[in-house]
């Protein structure tokens, strides 16, 4: 490995998934202004996460679908129109 290319400020940091209130302690050099007292009674820097393996749909098997602008409904209606058109063409071919 090359010398002097890796950060030297590795320290113990708590990462907390705010969506499911799950936290874990690991080493990191990510900057943080927040701190938290961990289970061992010591204070560590805190990095807040929006998603982790405890809340990600791929790992949990629970899909959360956020439809803020009706995009899902628009997509579903386009699919229905496409399927109806396809079915209509198939019936026309049967008659011919």
PDB file of N, CA and C in Angstrom:
ATOM      1  N   UNK A   1       0.841  -1.185   0.000  1.00  0.00           N
ATOM      2  CA  UNK A   1       0.000   0.000   0.000  1.00  0.00           C
ATOM      3  C   UNK A   1       0.882   1.243   0.000  1.00  0.00           C
ATOM      4  N   UNK A   2       0.361   2.283  -0.603  1.00  0.00           N
ATOM      5  CA  UNK A   2       1.101   3.533  -0.648  1.00  0.00           C
ATOM      6  C   UNK A   2       1.072   4.208   0.716  1.00  0.00           C
ATOM      7  N   UNK A   3       2.151   4.885   1.033  1.00  0.00           N
ATOM      8  CA  UNK A   3       2.220   5.631   2.281  1.00  0.00           C
ATOM      9  C   UNK A   3       1.507   6.969   2.145  1.00  0.00           C
ATOM     10  N   UNK A   4       0.951   7.423   3.252  1.00  0.00           N
ATOM     11  CA  UNK A   4       0.374   8.766   3.390  1.00  0.00           C
ATOM     12  C   UNK A   4      -0.809   9.052   2.470  1.00  0.00           C
ATOM     13  N   UNK A   5      -1.574   8.022   2.069  1.00  0.00           N
ATOM     14  CA  UNK A   5      -2.770   8.287   1.271  1.00  0.00           C
ATOM     15  C   UNK A   5      -4.044   8.016   2.065  1.00  0.00           C
ATOM     16  N   UNK A   6      -3.917   7.351   3.211  1.00  0.00           N
ATOM     17  CA  UNK A   6      -5.080   7.029   4.028  1.00  0.00           C
ATOM     18  C   UNK A   6      -5.209   8.031   5.161  1.00  0.00           C
ATOM     19  N   UNK A   7      -6.424   8.383   5.535  1.00  0.00           N
ATOM     20  CA  UNK A   7      -6.606   9.332   6.639  1.00  0.00           C
ATOM     21  C   UNK A   7      -6.069   8.763   7.950  1.00  0.00           C
ATOM     22  N   UNK A   8      -5.562   9.649   8.772  1.00  0.00           N
ATOM     23  CA  UNK A   8      -4.990   9.210  10.033  1.00  0.00           C
ATOM     24  C   UNK A   8      -5.919   9.473  11.212  1.00  0.00           C
ATOM     25  N   UNK A   9      -7.077  10.055  10.980  1.00  0.00           N
ATOM     26  CA  UNK A   9      -7.966  10.426  12.083  1.00  0.00           C
ATOM     27  C   UNK A   9      -9.089   9.401  12.302  1.00  0.00           C
ATOM     28  N   UNK A  10      -8.776   8.115  12.131  1.00  0.00           N
ATOM     29  CA  UNK A  10      -9.765   7.078  12.423  1.00  0.00           C
ATOM     30  C   UNK A  10     -10.047   7.067  13.917  1.00  0.00           C
ATOM     31  N   UNK A  11     -11.319   6.950  14.261  1.00  0.00           N
ATOM     32  CA  UNK A  11     -11.718   6.895  15.657  1.00  0.00           C
ATOM     33  C   UNK A  11     -13.023   6.127  15.743  1.00  0.00           C
ATOM     34  N   UNK A  12     -13.442   5.783  16.941  1.00  0.00           N
ATOM     35  CA  UNK A  12     -14.717   5.106  17.122  1.00  0.00           C
ATOM     36  C   UNK A  12     -15.844   6.123  16.959  1.00  0.00           C
ATOM     37  N   UNK A  13     -16.853   5.742  16.189  1.00  0.00           N
ATOM     38  CA  UNK A  13     -17.984   6.612  15.883  1.00  0.00           C
ATOM     39  C   UNK A  13     -19.259   5.786  15.980  1.00  0.00           C
ATOM     40  N   UNK A  14     -20.334   6.408  16.458  1.00  0.00           N
ATOM     41  CA  UNK A  14     -21.639   5.749  16.504  1.00  0.00           C
ATOM     42  C   UNK A  14     -22.438   6.211  15.292  1.00  0.00           C
ATOM     43  N   UNK A  15     -22.932   5.252  14.514  1.00  0.00           N
ATOM     44  CA  UNK A  15     -23.829   5.533  13.402  1.00  0.00           C
ATOM     45  C   UNK A  15     -25.229   5.166  13.859  1.00  0.00           C
ATOM     46  N   UNK A  16     -26.201   6.084  13.681  1.00  0.00           N
ATOM     47  CA  UNK A  16     -27.562   5.839  14.153  1.00  0.00           C
ATOM     48  C   UNK A  16     -28.543   6.021  13.006  1.00  0.00           C
ATOM     49  N   UNK A  17     -29.315   4.977  12.746  1.00  0.00           N
ATOM     50  CA  UNK A  17     -30.380   5.017  11.743  1.00  0.00           C
ATOM     51  C   UNK A  17     -31.586   5.677  12.407  1.00  0.00           C
ATOM     52  N   UNK A  18     -31.905   6.896  11.985  1.00  0.00           N
ATOM     53  CA  UNK A  18     -32.976   7.643  12.642  1.00  0.00           C
ATOM     54  C   UNK A  18     -34.364   7.147  12.264  1.00  0.00           C
ATOM     55  N   UNK A  19     -34.479   6.371  11.195  1.00  0.00           N
ATOM     56  CA  UNK A  19     -35.796   5.884  10.796  1.00  0.00           C
ATOM     57  C   UNK A  19     -36.274   4.718  11.659  1.00  0.00           C
ATOM     58  N   UNK A  20     -35.335   3.953  12.237  1.00  0.00           N
ATOM     59  CA  UNK A  20     -35.748   2.812  13.062  1.00  0.00           C
ATOM     60  C   UNK A  20     -35.050   2.786  14.418  1.00  0.00           C
ATOM     61  N   UNK A  21     -34.344   3.855  14.747  1.00  0.00           N
ATOM     62  CA  UNK A  21     -33.688   3.998  16.047  1.00  0.00           C
ATOM     63  C   UNK A  21     -32.695   2.869  16.322  1.00  0.00           C
ATOM     64  N   UNK A  22     -31.915   2.498  15.311  1.00  0.00           N
ATOM     65  CA  UNK A  22     -30.884   1.465  15.440  1.00  0.00           C
ATOM     66  C   UNK A  22     -29.524   2.147  15.384  1.00  0.00           C
ATOM     67  N   UNK A  23     -28.611   1.782  16.268  1.00  0.00           N
ATOM     68  CA  UNK A  23     -27.283   2.395  16.301  1.00  0.00           C
ATOM     69  C   UNK A  23     -26.220   1.305  16.384  1.00  0.00           C
ATOM     70  N   UNK A  24     -25.049   1.606  15.825  1.00  0.00           N
ATOM     71  CA  UNK A  24     -23.923   0.683  15.915  1.00  0.00           C
ATOM     72  C   UNK A  24     -22.629   1.482  16.021  1.00  0.00           C
ATOM     73  N   UNK A  25     -21.658   0.889  16.670  1.00  0.00           N
ATOM     74  CA  UNK A  25     -20.373   1.519  16.921  1.00  0.00           C
ATOM     75  C   UNK A  25     -19.336   0.908  15.995  1.00  0.00           C
ATOM     76  N   UNK A  26     -18.593   1.752  15.296  1.00  0.00           N
ATOM     77  CA  UNK A  26     -17.550   1.278  14.393  1.00  0.00           C
ATOM     78  C   UNK A  26     -16.490   2.363  14.252  1.00  0.00           C
ATOM     79  N   UNK A  27     -15.450   2.063  13.522  1.00  0.00           N
ATOM     80  CA  UNK A  27     -14.391   3.053  13.303  1.00  0.00           C
ATOM     81  C   UNK A  27     -14.655   3.808  12.015  1.00  0.00           C
ATOM     82  N   UNK A  28     -14.395   5.111  12.035  1.00  0.00           N
ATOM     83  CA  UNK A  28     -14.616   5.942  10.870  1.00  0.00           C
ATOM     84  C   UNK A  28     -13.804   7.226  10.999  1.00  0.00           C
ATOM     85  N   UNK A  29     -13.623   7.907   9.890  1.00  0.00           N
ATOM     86  CA  UNK A  29     -12.978   9.215   9.910  1.00  0.00           C
ATOM     87  C   UNK A  29     -13.961  10.294   9.451  1.00  0.00           C
ATOM     88  N   UNK A  30     -15.254   9.950   9.358  1.00  0.00           N
ATOM     89  CA  UNK A  30     -16.283  10.911   8.944  1.00  0.00           C
ATOM     90  C   UNK A  30     -16.434  11.998  10.005  1.00  0.00           C
ATOM     91  N   UNK A  31     -16.535  13.258   9.577  1.00  0.00           N
ATOM     92  CA  UNK A  31     -16.667  14.350  10.555  1.00  0.00           C
ATOM     93  C   UNK A  31     -18.066  14.406  11.165  1.00  0.00           C
ATOM     94  N   UNK A  32     -18.138  14.835  12.416  1.00  0.00           N
ATOM     95  CA  UNK A  32     -19.419  14.939  13.095  1.00  0.00           C
ATOM     96  C   UNK A  32     -19.351  15.998  14.179  1.00  0.00           C
ATOM     97  N   UNK A  33     -20.446  16.764  14.316  1.00  0.00           N
ATOM     98  CA  UNK A  33     -20.536  17.769  15.378  1.00  0.00           C
ATOM     99  C   UNK A  33     -21.315  17.224  16.570  1.00  0.00           C
ATOM    100  N   UNK A  34     -22.166  16.200  16.328  1.00  0.00           N
ATOM    101  CA  UNK A  34     -22.994  15.626  17.384  1.00  0.00           C
ATOM    102  C   UNK A  34     -22.233  14.541  18.134  1.00  0.00           C
ATOM    103  N   UNK A  35     -22.625  14.330  19.385  1.00  0.00           N
ATOM    104  CA  UNK A  35     -22.048  13.253  20.177  1.00  0.00           C
ATOM    105  C   UNK A  35     -23.174  12.489  20.871  1.00  0.00           C
ATOM    106  N   UNK A  36     -22.847  11.283  21.321  1.00  0.00           N
ATOM    107  CA  UNK A  36     -23.813  10.443  22.019  1.00  0.00           C
ATOM    108  C   UNK A  36     -23.065   9.603  23.052  1.00  0.00           C
ATOM    109  N   UNK A  37     -23.725   9.317  24.156  1.00  0.00           N
ATOM    110  CA  UNK A  37     -23.151   8.415  25.153  1.00  0.00           C
ATOM    111  C   UNK A  37     -23.570   7.001  24.775  1.00  0.00           C
ATOM    112  N   UNK A  38     -22.571   6.134  24.560  1.00  0.00           N
ATOM    113  CA  UNK A  38     -22.816   4.770  24.117  1.00  0.00           C
ATOM    114  C   UNK A  38     -23.074   3.875  25.318  1.00  0.00           C
ATOM    115  N   UNK A  39     -23.384   2.628  25.080  1.00  0.00           N
ATOM    116  CA  UNK A  39     -23.729   1.658  26.115  1.00  0.00           C
ATOM    117  C   UNK A  39     -22.618   1.455  27.152  1.00  0.00           C
ATOM    118  N   UNK A  40     -21.372   1.698  26.747  1.00  0.00           N
ATOM    119  CA  UNK A  40     -20.254   1.514  27.673  1.00  0.00           C
ATOM    120  C   UNK A  40     -20.027   2.735  28.565  1.00  0.00           C
ATOM    121  N   UNK A  41     -20.862   3.774  28.400  1.00  0.00           N
ATOM    122  CA  UNK A  41     -20.762   4.973  29.224  1.00  0.00           C
ATOM    123  C   UNK A  41     -19.844   6.038  28.658  1.00  0.00           C
ATOM    124  N   UNK A  42     -19.160   5.749  27.569  1.00  0.00           N
ATOM    125  CA  UNK A  42     -18.251   6.722  26.945  1.00  0.00           C
ATOM    126  C   UNK A  42     -19.001   7.543  25.908  1.00  0.00           C
ATOM    127  N   UNK A  43     -18.495   8.733  25.642  1.00  0.00           N
ATOM    128  CA  UNK A  43     -19.107   9.627  24.660  1.00  0.00           C
ATOM    129  C   UNK A  43     -18.364   9.498  23.331  1.00  0.00           C
ATOM    130  N   UNK A  44     -19.136   9.316  22.246  1.00  0.00           N
ATOM    131  CA  UNK A  44     -18.567   9.148  20.917  1.00  0.00           C
ATOM    132  C   UNK A  44     -19.231  10.117  19.943  1.00  0.00           C
ATOM    133  N   UNK A  45     -18.535  10.448  18.843  1.00  0.00           N
ATOM    134  CA  UNK A  45     -19.173  11.246  17.791  1.00  0.00           C
ATOM    135  C   UNK A  45     -20.363  10.477  17.206  1.00  0.00           C
ATOM    136  N   UNK A  46     -21.394  11.199  16.789  1.00  0.00           N
ATOM    137  CA  UNK A  46     -22.611  10.587  16.257  1.00  0.00           C
ATOM    138  C   UNK A  46     -22.811  10.995  14.810  1.00  0.00           C
ATOM    139  N   UNK A  47     -23.057  10.011  13.959  1.00  0.00           N
ATOM    140  CA  UNK A  47     -23.398  10.253  12.560  1.00  0.00           C
ATOM    141  C   UNK A  47     -24.795   9.703  12.358  1.00  0.00           C
ATOM    142  N   UNK A  48     -25.725  10.555  11.920  1.00  0.00           N
ATOM    143  CA  UNK A  48     -27.115  10.143  11.722  1.00  0.00           C
ATOM    144  C   UNK A  48     -27.296   9.659  10.285  1.00  0.00           C
ATOM    145  N   UNK A  49     -27.925   8.493  10.165  1.00  0.00           N
ATOM    146  CA  UNK A  49     -28.203   7.892   8.861  1.00  0.00           C
ATOM    147  C   UNK A  49     -29.704   7.910   8.605  1.00  0.00           C
ATOM    148  N   UNK A  50     -30.086   8.041   7.351  1.00  0.00           N
ATOM    149  CA  UNK A  50     -31.496   7.944   6.992  1.00  0.00           C
ATOM    150  C   UNK A  50     -31.898   6.500   6.751  1.00  0.00           C
ATOM    151  N   UNK A  51     -30.929   5.676   6.377  1.00  0.00           N
ATOM    152  CA  UNK A  51     -31.240   4.286   6.063  1.00  0.00           C
ATOM    153  C   UNK A  51     -30.031   3.416   6.368  1.00  0.00           C
ATOM    154  N   UNK A  52     -30.282   2.230   6.872  1.00  0.00           N
ATOM    155  CA  UNK A  52     -29.225   1.252   7.150  1.00  0.00           C
ATOM    156  C   UNK A  52     -29.769  -0.129   6.795  1.00  0.00           C
ATOM    157  N   UNK A  53     -29.026  -1.155   7.122  1.00  0.00           N
ATOM    158  CA  UNK A  53     -29.483  -2.507   6.806  1.00  0.00           C
ATOM    159  C   UNK A  53     -30.716  -2.888   7.619  1.00  0.00           C
ATOM    160  N   UNK A  54     -30.998  -2.184   8.696  1.00  0.00           N
ATOM    161  CA  UNK A  54     -32.186  -2.475   9.512  1.00  0.00           C
ATOM    162  C   UNK A  54     -33.454  -1.848   8.933  1.00  0.00           C
ATOM    163  N   UNK A  55     -33.312  -0.835   8.069  1.00  0.00           N
ATOM    164  CA  UNK A  55     -34.491  -0.176   7.521  1.00  0.00           C
ATOM    165  C   UNK A  55     -34.580  -0.239   6.002  1.00  0.00           C
ATOM    166  N   UNK A  56     -33.552  -0.737   5.329  1.00  0.00           N
ATOM    167  CA  UNK A  56     -33.564  -0.785   3.864  1.00  0.00           C
ATOM    168  C   UNK A  56     -34.491  -1.905   3.391  1.00  0.00           C
ATOM    169  N   UNK A  57     -35.378  -1.621   2.433  1.00  0.00           N
ATOM    170  CA  UNK A  57     -36.341  -2.621   1.964  1.00  0.00           C
ATOM    171  C   UNK A  57     -35.697  -3.897   1.413  1.00  0.00           C
ATOM    172  N   UNK A  58     -34.530  -3.792   0.842  1.00  0.00           N
ATOM    173  CA  UNK A  58     -33.859  -4.973   0.297  1.00  0.00           C
ATOM    174  C   UNK A  58     -33.533  -5.970   1.402  1.00  0.00           C
ATOM    175  N   UNK A  59     -33.121  -5.481   2.550  1.00  0.00           N
ATOM    176  CA  UNK A  59     -32.748  -6.360   3.657  1.00  0.00           C
ATOM    177  C   UNK A  59     -33.933  -6.745   4.534  1.00  0.00           C
ATOM    178  N   UNK A  60     -34.913  -5.858   4.652  1.00  0.00           N
ATOM    179  CA  UNK A  60     -36.043  -6.137   5.538  1.00  0.00           C
ATOM    180  C   UNK A  60     -37.163  -6.884   4.842  1.00  0.00           C
ATOM    181  N   UNK A  61     -37.247  -6.777   3.511  1.00  0.00           N
ATOM    182  CA  UNK A  61     -38.321  -7.418   2.767  1.00  0.00           C
ATOM    183  C   UNK A  61     -39.605  -6.611   2.773  1.00  0.00           C
ATOM    184  N   UNK A  62     -39.576  -5.432   3.346  1.00  0.00           N
ATOM    185  CA  UNK A  62     -40.758  -4.571   3.399  1.00  0.00           C
ATOM    186  C   UNK A  62     -40.543  -3.396   2.452  1.00  0.00           C
ATOM    187  N   UNK A  63     -41.387  -3.313   1.450  1.00  0.00           N
ATOM    188  CA  UNK A  63     -41.278  -2.212   0.503  1.00  0.00           C
ATOM    189  C   UNK A  63     -42.096  -1.025   0.978  1.00  0.00           C
ATOM    190  N   UNK A  64     -41.465   0.125   1.002  1.00  0.00           N
ATOM    191  CA  UNK A  64     -42.166   1.361   1.326  1.00  0.00           C
ATOM    192  C   UNK A  64     -42.228   2.168   0.039  1.00  0.00           C
ATOM    193  N   UNK A  65     -43.403   2.499  -0.388  1.00  0.00           N
ATOM    194  CA  UNK A  65     -43.580   3.206  -1.632  1.00  0.00           C
ATOM    195  C   UNK A  65     -44.089   4.606  -1.338  1.00  0.00           C
ATOM    196  N   UNK A  66     -43.259   5.596  -1.615  1.00  0.00           N
ATOM    197  CA  UNK A  66     -43.649   6.972  -1.385  1.00  0.00           C
ATOM    198  C   UNK A  66     -44.062   7.582  -2.724  1.00  0.00           C
ATOM    199  N   UNK A  67     -45.295   7.966  -2.831  1.00  0.00           N
ATOM    200  CA  UNK A  67     -45.813   8.547  -4.056  1.00  0.00           C
ATOM    201  C   UNK A  67     -46.168   9.998  -3.779  1.00  0.00           C
ATOM    202  N   UNK A  68     -45.216  10.883  -4.019  1.00  0.00           N
ATOM    203  CA  UNK A  68     -45.426  12.276  -3.656  1.00  0.00           C
ATOM    204  C   UNK A  68     -46.197  13.058  -4.706  1.00  0.00           C
ATOM    205  N   UNK A  69     -46.041  12.724  -5.956  1.00  0.00           N
ATOM    206  CA  UNK A  69     -46.691  13.501  -7.010  1.00  0.00           C
ATOM    207  C   UNK A  69     -47.619  12.654  -7.867  1.00  0.00           C
ATOM    208  N   UNK A  70     -48.062  11.517  -7.373  1.00  0.00           N
ATOM    209  CA  UNK A  70     -48.954  10.667  -8.145  1.00  0.00           C
ATOM    210  C   UNK A  70     -48.251   9.924  -9.265  1.00  0.00           C
ATOM    211  N   UNK A  71     -46.942   9.790  -9.186  1.00  0.00           N
ATOM    212  CA  UNK A  71     -46.185   9.143 -10.260  1.00  0.00           C
ATOM    213  C   UNK A  71     -46.550   7.674 -10.393  1.00  0.00           C
ATOM    214  N   UNK A  72     -46.759   7.018  -9.275  1.00  0.00           N
ATOM    215  CA  UNK A  72     -47.096   5.598  -9.320  1.00  0.00           C
ATOM    216  C   UNK A  72     -48.449   5.403  -9.987  1.00  0.00           C
ATOM    217  N   UNK A  73     -49.417   6.235  -9.630  1.00  0.00           N
ATOM    218  CA  UNK A  73     -50.740   6.133 -10.251  1.00  0.00           C
ATOM    219  C   UNK A  73     -50.672   6.402 -11.750  1.00  0.00           C
ATOM    220  N   UNK A  74     -49.874   7.387 -12.140  1.00  0.00           N
ATOM    221  CA  UNK A  74     -49.718   7.683 -13.573  1.00  0.00           C
ATOM    222  C   UNK A  74     -49.102   6.487 -14.293  1.00  0.00           C
ATOM    223  N   UNK A  75     -48.099   5.874 -13.682  1.00  0.00           N
ATOM    224  CA  UNK A  75     -47.455   4.721 -14.292  1.00  0.00           C
ATOM    225  C   UNK A  75     -48.433   3.562 -14.421  1.00  0.00           C
ATOM    226  N   UNK A  76     -49.195   3.297 -13.360  1.00  0.00           N
ATOM    227  CA  UNK A  76     -50.170   2.207 -13.404  1.00  0.00           C
ATOM    228  C   UNK A  76     -51.219   2.438 -14.483  1.00  0.00           C
ATOM    229  N   UNK A  77     -51.667   3.679 -14.649  1.00  0.00           N
ATOM    230  CA  UNK A  77     -52.663   3.957 -15.684  1.00  0.00           C
ATOM    231  C   UNK A  77     -52.071   3.762 -17.079  1.00  0.00           C
ATOM    232  N   UNK A  78     -50.803   4.116 -17.277  1.00  0.00           N
ATOM    233  CA  UNK A  78     -50.162   3.886 -18.572  1.00  0.00           C
ATOM    234  C   UNK A  78     -50.047   2.397 -18.862  1.00  0.00           C
ATOM    235  N   UNK A  79     -49.706   1.618 -17.847  1.00  0.00           N
ATOM    236  CA  UNK A  79     -49.596   0.165 -18.035  1.00  0.00           C
ATOM    237  C   UNK A  79     -50.959  -0.409 -18.387  1.00  0.00           C
ATOM    238  N   UNK A  80     -52.014   0.027 -17.707  1.00  0.00           N
ATOM    239  CA  UNK A  80     -53.366  -0.455 -18.002  1.00  0.00           C
ATOM    240  C   UNK A  80     -53.767  -0.110 -19.435  1.00  0.00           C
ATOM    241  N   UNK A  81     -53.462   1.101 -19.867  1.00  0.00           N
ATOM    242  CA  UNK A  81     -53.769   1.498 -21.248  1.00  0.00           C
ATOM    243  C   UNK A  81     -53.011   0.626 -22.239  1.00  0.00           C
ATOM    244  N   UNK A  82     -51.739   0.369 -21.939  1.00  0.00           N
ATOM    245  CA  UNK A  82     -50.919  -0.455 -22.825  1.00  0.00           C
ATOM    246  C   UNK A  82     -51.485  -1.880 -22.914  1.00  0.00           C
ATOM    247  N   UNK A  83     -51.855  -2.451 -21.767  1.00  0.00           N
ATOM    248  CA  UNK A  83     -52.406  -3.801 -21.762  1.00  0.00           C
ATOM    249  C   UNK A  83     -53.751  -3.863 -22.490  1.00  0.00           C
ATOM    250  N   UNK A  84     -54.582  -2.823 -22.320  1.00  0.00           N
ATOM    251  CA  UNK A  84     -55.871  -2.781 -23.007  1.00  0.00           C
ATOM    252  C   UNK A  84     -55.664  -2.703 -24.522  1.00  0.00           C
ATOM    253  N   UNK A  85     -54.704  -1.891 -24.947  1.00  0.00           N
ATOM    254  CA  UNK A  85     -54.416  -1.755 -26.375  1.00  0.00           C
ATOM    255  C   UNK A  85     -53.894  -3.072 -26.938  1.00  0.00           C
ATOM    256  N   UNK A  86     -53.046  -3.741 -26.183  1.00  0.00           N
ATOM    257  CA  UNK A  86     -52.495  -5.017 -26.612  1.00  0.00           C
ATOM    258  C   UNK A  86     -53.610  -6.068 -26.748  1.00  0.00           C
ATOM    259  N   UNK A  87     -54.517  -6.085 -25.790  1.00  0.00           N
ATOM    260  CA  UNK A  87     -55.633  -7.018 -25.824  1.00  0.00           C
ATOM    261  C   UNK A  87     -56.558  -6.721 -27.009  1.00  0.00           C
ATOM    262  N   UNK A  88     -56.774  -5.456 -27.281  1.00  0.00           N
ATOM    263  CA  UNK A  88     -57.624  -5.043 -28.394  1.00  0.00           C
ATOM    264  C   UNK A  88     -57.028  -5.502 -29.722  1.00  0.00           C
ATOM    265  N   UNK A  89     -55.709  -5.368 -29.866  1.00  0.00           N
ATOM    266  CA  UNK A  89     -55.032  -5.803 -31.096  1.00  0.00           C
ATOM    267  C   UNK A  89     -55.107  -7.324 -31.242  1.00  0.00           C
ATOM    268  N   UNK A  90     -54.976  -8.033 -30.128  1.00  0.00           N
ATOM    269  CA  UNK A  90     -55.047  -9.501 -30.171  1.00  0.00           C
ATOM    270  C   UNK A  90     -56.438  -9.957 -30.611  1.00  0.00           C
ATOM    271  N   UNK A  91     -57.489  -9.305 -30.119  1.00  0.00           N
ATOM    272  CA  UNK A  91     -58.861  -9.654 -30.537  1.00  0.00           C
ATOM    273  C   UNK A  91     -59.099  -9.341 -32.003  1.00  0.00           C
ATOM    274  N   UNK A  92     -58.512  -8.230 -32.459  1.00  0.00           N
ATOM    275  CA  UNK A  92     -58.654  -7.871 -33.882  1.00  0.00           C
ATOM    276  C   UNK A  92     -57.991  -8.905 -34.776  1.00  0.00           C
ATOM    277  N   UNK A  93     -56.868  -9.453 -34.342  1.00  0.00           N
ATOM    278  CA  UNK A  93     -56.160 -10.479 -35.116  1.00  0.00           C
ATOM    279  C   UNK A  93     -56.966 -11.773 -35.148  1.00  0.00           C
ATOM    280  N   UNK A  94     -57.645 -12.091 -34.039  1.00  0.00           N
ATOM    281  CA  UNK A  94     -58.451 -13.310 -33.983  1.00  0.00           C
ATOM    282  C   UNK A  94     -59.612 -13.241 -34.965  1.00  0.00           C
ATOM    283  N   UNK A  95     -60.201 -12.067 -35.120  1.00  0.00           N
ATOM    284  CA  UNK A  95     -61.352 -11.906 -36.009  1.00  0.00           C
ATOM    285  C   UNK A  95     -60.934 -12.000 -37.472  1.00  0.00           C
ATOM    286  N   UNK A  96     -59.696 -11.600 -37.749  1.00  0.00           N
ATOM    287  CA  UNK A  96     -59.246 -11.577 -39.143  1.00  0.00           C
ATOM    288  C   UNK A  96     -58.792 -12.908 -39.638  1.00  0.00           C
TER     289      UNK A  96
END
